[in-house]
Structures are given as structure tokens and as C-alpha cells.
Amino acid sequence: MGQLFDAVLRSDDTPMSADELRAAVADCDVFVPTVTDTIDAGVIEAAGPRLKLIANFGAGTNHIDVAAAHARGITVTNTPGVLTEDTADLTMALILAVPRRLVEGDRRLRAGEFDGWGPTHMLGHRVRGKQLGILGLGRIGSAVARRASAFGLGVHYHNRRRAPESIERELDATWHAELEDMLHAVDILCITAPLTPDTRHMIDARALSLMSPDSYLVNTSRGGIVDEAALADALRAGRIAGAGLDVYEDEARSGSGPHPDLLALDNVILAPHIGSATHESRHEMGEKVLINIRAKMDDHACPDRVLPPGAGLSLAS
């Protein structure tokens, strides 16, 4: 970045405060935030006249007030596509690990609680033959479906709009127009939908009550889609069997993490938002950011522009 532009770089991974964000956007042509930097209307209002592009380092843009930026004539871009396979890999890893109690077994072994094999020791559930429900059959959801089929899982999905018949045929996927119908039909719920006002807390106490006691939940998308307090209650009460989480409701706040009630539960795997955390993914995300910056500086259309609802086609993943 510094070889191509006169760049001011942040030296660590900590989220920027509101004051730091306002100061940054007041004196730059391009701002490159990450998913933990909240670019709300107040930050957009503080932007100086030079700011023409917010080139997000990440696919999700729910932390950016895209409508406010659009109203100021500021382009917003993201990095779709390059995170897909790595996030799908981690999602599949959780789908396999949670029913087999893999991390719980590791903890017990390290604590000296393993006395040798026994016929009823650490019983979990097999994956083959189970039904997987995907909430959000986009790029990542489709990649998860392909992996799931290889492990013998049946694939179901719920989207606002039905996928093309060719996609359903390729993935051998069954569409459910109503989320409730899918929750009744599946053994594992996988969340790969974007966080929007419509999806926030979509998986709440009522939704969890529709799942079977032997079912599992995996979320590698955005934490706000799941009501974590309700999930902890369901896990503790045995209303669902387990969960694997890589994202959390309040992780955008510095020092925050999972709901504290989740930390004491053995039937949940808590990963530290590592869905796209590979060297390859981070490198490709950076390349996407640079391509969008270069396009903007050369007065070309940015290939990964994100538009607010109602303003045209969004390329957000």
C-alpha cells in the first residue's frame, strides 16, 4: 500500500474509536476500514471533501452506513468472493466437529478426564444421512452445500428469493419458503446470511424452539443474526444439542466476545472469528482493496461497489 499511495497505516488490529474514525475520514481521499470499524452516519458526516472512496477490507458492510455514504457521493466497495472457500472450510469443520464433540473431548483429555475407550464414552451423532439447513444460500452457503453433499448430508435452504433451478439441481438443494418449515426439517442449521435489519435476531428463542433436541446450530456469518442469550438458554436446557460459533453479537466492541453464559457450556465450540483467517485470503482481500482504489483513482467503475437498498444492484456477499 505504501509503495503505491501516500498511506497512513494503523499498526495493530484494534478497532478505531469514533473520534479516530472521524479524524481519519476528515483528511484522506480513500479510507480502508475493517469489519470492526463502525462507519456510521456521524463518521460519514465528518468526512472531508476529499474522501471519495471507502474501500472496506472485508465482504460484509453492515458496519458501514452505505446510504449515508451514497448521499455524500462517497463510493463504498468490499471484497466479495475471495473469502468464500476459506469460510466454507471452517463452516464445514464446525459442522463435523460439533456433533462429534471434538473440542469437548480435547478439553477433557487435557484435564486428565480420559481413562481409556468405553462403549458409551463421549457419544455424539454421525453426520452422514442428516439434513443440513442453510440460512442464506449465497456464495458461502453454496460452497458449504457442495462440501456437505460430499459428507452425505441432505441440503435444504431458506432465502427470501428462491435460487435458480439450475443452482438447486447442482446442489441437490430443497428450498423452504418459510424458515419455520426448514427448522422443523433439518438436523443442523448453518447460518451464512448477511446481517440486515430483517435478519437481526432471526434465530431467536421461538426459532430455536422449532429445532429438535438432537439438532445443532453453526454460525459463521454475523453474530447479530442469533440471539445469543436465547441460544445459551436452549443449549443449557438441552432444547438443542450443540452449537459452533465463529461470530458474536457484540464483537465490534473492543474487548467483547461471546455471551458470558456460552463460555461455561461444553456443548458449544467458540472460534475467534477465523472464517477467512488464512494467509491466502488476507492477501487476496488486500488485492481486491487495491484494485478498487486504483479503479476509483483512474475514474473507472469500481468492480466491487456496494449500493444501498433501492439504489441499484449490490455486489455485497
Protein backbone atom coordinates (compact mmCIF):
# COMPACT_ATOMS: atom_id res chain seq x y z
CA MET A 1 0.00 0.00 0.00
CA GLY A 2 2.73 2.45 0.98
CA GLN A 3 4.56 1.82 -2.30
CA LEU A 4 1.55 2.94 -4.35
CA PHE A 5 -0.01 5.70 -2.26
CA ASP A 6 0.80 8.25 0.40
CA ALA A 7 -0.68 5.99 3.07
CA VAL A 8 -1.18 6.28 6.83
CA LEU A 9 -1.26 2.74 8.24
CA ARG A 10 -2.62 1.51 11.57
CA SER A 11 -0.03 -0.65 13.29
CA ASP A 12 -2.35 -3.03 15.18
CA ASP A 13 -5.68 -4.84 14.82
CA THR A 14 -7.65 -2.90 17.44
CA PRO A 15 -10.86 -1.20 16.25
CA MET A 16 -10.66 2.55 15.79
CA SER A 17 -12.65 4.73 18.18
CA ALA A 18 -15.34 7.07 16.89
CA ASP A 19 -13.01 10.04 17.37
CA GLU A 20 -10.21 8.28 15.49
CA LEU A 21 -12.55 7.41 12.65
CA ARG A 22 -13.83 10.97 12.33
CA ALA A 23 -10.28 12.31 12.30
CA ALA A 24 -9.23 9.76 9.67
CA VAL A 25 -12.04 10.46 7.21
CA ALA A 26 -11.62 14.21 7.59
CA ASP A 27 -8.28 14.21 5.78
CA CYS A 28 -7.99 11.48 3.17
CA ASP A 29 -9.07 10.55 -0.35
CA VAL A 30 -9.62 6.86 0.42
CA PHE A 31 -10.41 5.20 3.73
CA VAL A 32 -9.87 1.45 4.24
CA PRO A 33 -11.77 0.17 7.30
CA THR A 34 -12.25 -3.39 8.55
CA VAL A 35 -15.41 -5.05 9.85
CA THR A 36 -14.73 -3.87 13.42
CA ASP A 37 -14.71 -0.17 12.46
CA THR A 38 -18.19 1.32 12.78
CA ILE A 39 -18.66 3.83 9.95
CA ASP A 40 -21.99 5.32 10.97
CA ALA A 41 -23.75 8.47 9.79
CA GLY A 42 -21.75 10.57 12.29
CA VAL A 43 -18.46 9.39 10.84
CA ILE A 44 -19.72 9.99 7.29
CA GLU A 45 -20.80 13.50 8.26
CA ALA A 46 -17.25 14.20 9.48
CA ALA A 47 -15.74 13.21 6.12
CA GLY A 48 -13.77 15.90 4.38
CA PRO A 49 -14.43 16.95 0.78
CA ARG A 50 -11.50 14.84 -0.46
CA LEU A 51 -12.97 11.50 0.63
CA LYS A 52 -14.26 9.71 -2.45
CA LEU A 53 -13.98 6.02 -1.52
CA ILE A 54 -14.46 3.76 1.49
CA ALA A 55 -12.72 0.56 0.39
CA ASN A 56 -13.77 -1.97 3.02
CA PHE A 57 -11.31 -4.74 3.87
CA GLY A 58 -13.96 -7.46 4.13
CA ALA A 59 -17.08 -8.72 2.43
CA GLY A 60 -19.75 -7.64 4.90
CA THR A 61 -20.71 -3.97 5.01
CA ASN A 62 -23.29 -3.93 7.82
CA HIS A 63 -20.81 -1.81 9.86
CA ILE A 64 -20.95 0.95 7.22
CA ASP A 65 -23.87 3.33 6.68
CA VAL A 66 -23.81 2.80 2.93
CA ALA A 67 -26.86 5.04 2.39
CA ALA A 68 -25.20 7.97 4.18
CA ALA A 69 -22.03 7.50 2.14
CA HIS A 70 -24.02 7.28 -1.09
CA ALA A 71 -25.84 10.52 -0.22
CA ARG A 72 -22.46 12.25 0.17
CA GLY A 73 -21.24 10.91 -3.16
CA ILE A 74 -18.75 8.56 -1.45
CA THR A 75 -18.32 5.17 -3.11
CA VAL A 76 -18.27 2.06 -0.89
CA THR A 77 -16.59 -1.17 -2.01
CA ASN A 78 -15.97 -4.55 -0.42
CA THR A 79 -14.01 -7.74 -1.09
CA PRO A 80 -16.52 -10.45 -2.13
CA GLY A 81 -15.64 -13.89 -3.40
CA VAL A 82 -12.10 -14.29 -2.06
CA LEU A 83 -13.33 -15.28 1.42
CA THR A 84 -15.79 -17.88 0.17
CA GLU A 85 -13.80 -21.10 0.17
CA ASP A 86 -11.93 -20.49 3.42
CA THR A 87 -15.12 -19.56 5.29
CA ALA A 88 -16.90 -22.59 3.84
CA ASP A 89 -14.00 -24.79 5.01
CA LEU A 90 -14.31 -23.53 8.58
CA THR A 91 -18.10 -23.87 8.46
CA MET A 92 -17.77 -27.48 7.39
CA ALA A 93 -15.17 -28.07 10.10
CA LEU A 94 -17.67 -26.89 12.73
CA ILE A 95 -20.45 -28.99 11.18
CA LEU A 96 -18.21 -32.04 11.64
CA ALA A 97 -16.68 -31.13 15.00
CA VAL A 98 -19.76 -30.10 16.98
CA PRO A 99 -21.82 -33.32 16.67
CA ARG A 100 -18.73 -35.43 17.38
CA ARG A 101 -17.87 -33.35 20.49
CA LEU A 102 -14.31 -32.95 19.24
CA VAL A 103 -13.30 -29.83 21.17
CA GLU A 104 -15.05 -31.02 24.33
CA GLY A 105 -13.06 -34.26 24.07
CA ASP A 106 -9.83 -32.32 23.69
CA ARG A 107 -10.62 -30.30 26.83
CA ARG A 108 -11.42 -33.43 28.82
CA LEU A 109 -8.27 -35.17 27.71
CA ARG A 110 -6.09 -32.21 28.71
CA ALA A 111 -7.87 -32.10 32.09
CA GLY A 112 -6.95 -35.71 32.78
CA GLU A 113 -10.50 -37.00 32.42
CA PHE A 114 -9.73 -39.73 29.86
CA ASP A 115 -9.37 -43.24 31.28
CA GLY A 116 -9.50 -45.13 28.02
CA TRP A 117 -12.07 -46.17 25.46
CA GLY A 118 -15.56 -47.19 26.61
CA PRO A 119 -18.69 -48.16 24.67
CA THR A 120 -20.70 -45.17 25.96
CA HIS A 121 -17.84 -42.69 26.27
CA MET A 122 -18.29 -39.29 24.56
CA LEU A 123 -21.17 -40.36 22.32
CA GLY A 124 -22.13 -37.83 19.67
CA HIS A 125 -24.05 -38.02 16.40
CA ARG A 126 -22.93 -39.07 12.92
CA VAL A 127 -23.21 -36.53 10.13
CA ARG A 128 -23.90 -38.79 7.15
CA GLY A 129 -27.61 -39.06 6.45
CA LYS A 130 -28.50 -35.93 8.42
CA GLN A 131 -30.29 -32.91 6.94
CA LEU A 132 -28.46 -29.57 6.73
CA GLY A 133 -30.43 -26.33 6.60
CA ILE A 134 -28.61 -23.33 5.13
CA LEU A 135 -29.92 -19.88 6.01
CA GLY A 136 -28.62 -17.77 3.13
CA LEU A 137 -27.67 -19.70 0.00
CA GLY A 138 -25.23 -17.15 -1.43
CA ARG A 139 -21.59 -17.71 -2.36
CA ILE A 140 -20.57 -19.15 1.00
CA GLY A 141 -23.81 -21.06 1.53
CA SER A 142 -23.45 -22.71 -1.87
CA ALA A 143 -19.82 -23.63 -1.13
CA VAL A 144 -20.93 -25.19 2.16
CA ALA A 145 -23.66 -27.14 0.34
CA ARG A 146 -21.10 -28.66 -2.03
CA ARG A 147 -18.95 -29.80 0.88
CA ALA A 148 -21.95 -31.09 2.81
CA SER A 149 -23.08 -33.26 -0.08
CA ALA A 150 -19.69 -34.96 -0.11
CA PHE A 151 -20.24 -35.94 3.53
CA GLY A 152 -23.66 -37.42 2.81
CA LEU A 153 -25.79 -34.58 4.17
CA GLY A 154 -29.11 -33.64 2.60
CA VAL A 155 -29.24 -29.94 1.74
CA HIS A 156 -32.13 -27.56 2.48
CA TYR A 157 -32.10 -23.78 2.30
CA HIS A 158 -34.12 -20.68 3.07
CA ASN A 159 -33.70 -17.42 1.15
CA ARG A 160 -36.05 -14.52 0.61
CA ARG A 161 -35.98 -15.46 -3.04
CA ARG A 162 -35.71 -18.94 -4.45
CA ALA A 163 -32.44 -19.79 -6.19
CA PRO A 164 -32.48 -20.58 -9.92
CA GLU A 165 -33.49 -24.13 -10.77
CA SER A 166 -30.01 -24.80 -12.16
CA ILE A 167 -28.45 -23.99 -8.75
CA GLU A 168 -30.95 -26.17 -6.90
CA ARG A 169 -30.23 -29.01 -9.30
CA GLU A 170 -26.45 -28.63 -9.00
CA LEU A 171 -26.58 -28.59 -5.18
CA ASP A 172 -29.49 -31.05 -4.89
CA ALA A 173 -30.99 -28.44 -2.55
CA THR A 174 -34.58 -28.12 -1.34
CA TRP A 175 -35.98 -24.61 -0.90
CA HIS A 176 -38.21 -23.70 2.03
CA ALA A 177 -40.21 -20.52 1.54
CA GLU A 178 -40.72 -20.29 5.32
CA LEU A 179 -37.84 -20.51 7.78
CA GLU A 180 -40.05 -22.32 10.27
CA ASP A 181 -40.65 -25.16 7.82
CA MET A 182 -36.91 -25.61 7.30
CA LEU A 183 -36.18 -25.61 11.03
CA HIS A 184 -38.62 -28.47 11.51
CA ALA A 185 -36.95 -30.45 8.69
CA VAL A 186 -33.23 -30.22 9.49
CA ASP A 187 -30.74 -31.64 11.97
CA ILE A 188 -28.10 -28.93 11.54
CA LEU A 189 -28.79 -25.24 10.92
CA CYS A 190 -25.96 -23.38 9.17
CA ILE A 191 -26.12 -19.57 9.02
CA THR A 192 -24.40 -17.91 6.06
CA ALA A 193 -26.77 -14.95 5.55
CA PRO A 194 -25.78 -11.27 5.71
CA LEU A 195 -26.77 -9.20 8.73
CA THR A 196 -29.58 -6.79 7.84
CA PRO A 197 -32.45 -5.27 9.82
CA ASP A 198 -34.57 -8.20 8.59
CA THR A 199 -32.10 -10.90 9.70
CA ARG A 200 -31.10 -9.44 13.07
CA HIS A 201 -32.14 -11.95 15.76
CA MET A 202 -33.87 -14.04 13.11
CA ILE A 203 -32.75 -17.04 15.16
CA ASP A 204 -34.39 -16.20 18.47
CA ALA A 205 -35.98 -18.24 21.24
CA ARG A 206 -39.00 -19.06 19.09
CA ALA A 207 -36.91 -20.21 16.13
CA LEU A 208 -34.73 -22.34 18.41
CA SER A 209 -37.85 -23.95 19.91
CA LEU A 210 -38.74 -25.28 16.45
CA MET A 211 -35.50 -27.27 16.23
CA SER A 212 -35.22 -30.79 17.63
CA PRO A 213 -33.32 -31.63 20.85
CA ASP A 214 -30.78 -33.54 18.72
CA SER A 215 -30.11 -30.63 16.36
CA TYR A 216 -27.13 -28.31 16.04
CA LEU A 217 -26.51 -24.68 15.03
CA VAL A 218 -23.43 -23.34 13.23
CA ASN A 219 -22.93 -19.62 12.59
CA THR A 220 -20.00 -18.26 10.56
CA SER A 221 -21.77 -15.21 9.12
CA ARG A 222 -22.68 -12.42 11.56
CA GLY A 223 -23.33 -12.79 15.27
CA GLY A 224 -26.32 -10.46 15.32
CA ILE A 225 -28.44 -12.95 13.38
CA VAL A 226 -28.59 -15.14 16.52
CA ASP A 227 -29.99 -14.06 19.88
CA GLU A 228 -27.05 -15.33 21.93
CA ALA A 229 -28.89 -15.22 25.27
CA ALA A 230 -31.68 -17.35 23.82
CA LEU A 231 -29.11 -19.72 22.29
CA ALA A 232 -27.34 -20.14 25.63
CA ASP A 233 -30.68 -20.93 27.29
CA ALA A 234 -31.52 -23.51 24.62
CA LEU A 235 -28.11 -25.18 24.89
CA ARG A 236 -28.19 -25.24 28.69
CA ALA A 237 -31.72 -26.67 28.77
CA GLY A 238 -30.99 -29.31 26.12
CA ARG A 239 -33.53 -27.90 23.67
CA ILE A 240 -30.79 -28.22 21.03
CA ALA A 241 -27.75 -30.47 21.27
CA GLY A 242 -24.90 -28.11 20.45
CA ALA A 243 -23.56 -25.13 18.53
CA GLY A 244 -20.46 -23.95 16.72
CA LEU A 245 -19.91 -20.19 16.54
CA ASP A 246 -17.26 -18.10 14.81
CA VAL A 247 -19.07 -14.75 15.14
CA TYR A 248 -20.73 -12.94 18.04
CA GLU A 249 -23.32 -10.26 18.66
CA ASP A 250 -21.07 -7.69 20.35
CA GLU A 251 -17.66 -8.43 18.87
CA ALA A 252 -17.46 -5.00 17.22
CA ARG A 253 -16.95 -3.53 20.69
CA SER A 254 -13.37 -3.63 21.89
CA GLY A 255 -12.82 -6.36 24.45
CA SER A 256 -16.17 -8.03 23.81
CA GLY A 257 -16.81 -11.63 22.86
CA PRO A 258 -19.41 -14.35 23.25
CA HIS A 259 -22.32 -14.02 25.64
CA PRO A 260 -20.86 -14.99 29.05
CA ASP A 261 -23.38 -17.81 29.51
CA LEU A 262 -21.90 -19.56 26.46
CA LEU A 263 -18.44 -19.74 27.99
CA ALA A 264 -19.46 -22.26 30.64
CA LEU A 265 -21.11 -24.71 28.22
CA ASP A 266 -19.36 -27.84 26.98
CA ASN A 267 -21.75 -28.32 24.04
CA VAL A 268 -20.63 -25.24 22.12
CA ILE A 269 -17.44 -24.59 20.14
CA LEU A 270 -16.37 -20.94 20.22
CA ALA A 271 -13.97 -19.88 17.45
CA PRO A 272 -12.44 -16.37 17.41
CA HIS A 273 -13.87 -15.15 14.05
CA ILE A 274 -11.36 -17.04 11.91
CA GLY A 275 -13.59 -17.96 8.97
CA SER A 276 -11.40 -16.12 6.50
CA ALA A 277 -8.20 -16.16 8.56
CA THR A 278 -5.77 -17.67 6.10
CA HIS A 279 -2.68 -16.07 4.60
CA GLU A 280 -4.15 -16.64 1.14
CA SER A 281 -7.47 -14.99 1.93
CA ARG A 282 -5.95 -11.90 3.54
CA HIS A 283 -3.59 -11.45 0.58
CA GLU A 284 -6.46 -11.70 -1.92
CA MET A 285 -8.61 -9.32 0.13
CA GLY A 286 -5.81 -6.76 0.03
CA GLU A 287 -5.54 -7.17 -3.72
CA LYS A 288 -9.28 -6.53 -4.05
CA VAL A 289 -8.95 -3.35 -1.99
CA LEU A 290 -6.10 -2.12 -4.20
CA ILE A 291 -8.00 -2.89 -7.41
CA ASN A 292 -10.98 -0.86 -6.21
CA ILE A 293 -8.77 2.04 -5.15
CA ARG A 294 -6.92 2.05 -8.45
CA ALA A 295 -10.20 1.98 -10.38
CA LYS A 296 -11.55 4.94 -8.42
CA MET A 297 -8.36 6.95 -8.80
CA ASP A 298 -8.43 6.32 -12.56
CA ASP A 299 -12.10 7.40 -12.78
CA HIS A 300 -13.23 3.88 -13.68
CA ALA A 301 -16.14 1.96 -12.21
CA CYS A 302 -15.14 0.11 -9.06
CA PRO A 303 -15.67 -3.63 -9.65
CA ASP A 304 -16.90 -4.30 -6.10
CA ARG A 305 -19.11 -1.29 -5.47
CA VAL A 306 -21.81 -1.70 -2.82
CA LEU A 307 -25.02 0.30 -3.20
CA PRO A 308 -27.69 1.00 -0.57
CA PRO A 309 -31.06 -0.75 -0.88
CA GLY A 310 -33.13 0.77 -3.65
CA ALA A 311 -30.15 2.38 -5.37
CA GLY A 312 -29.39 -0.48 -7.73
CA LEU A 313 -27.65 -3.83 -7.75
CA SER A 314 -25.40 -4.58 -4.76
CA LEU A 315 -22.36 -6.76 -5.16
CA ALA A 316 -22.09 -7.45 -1.42
CA SER A 317 -21.68 -11.10 -0.48
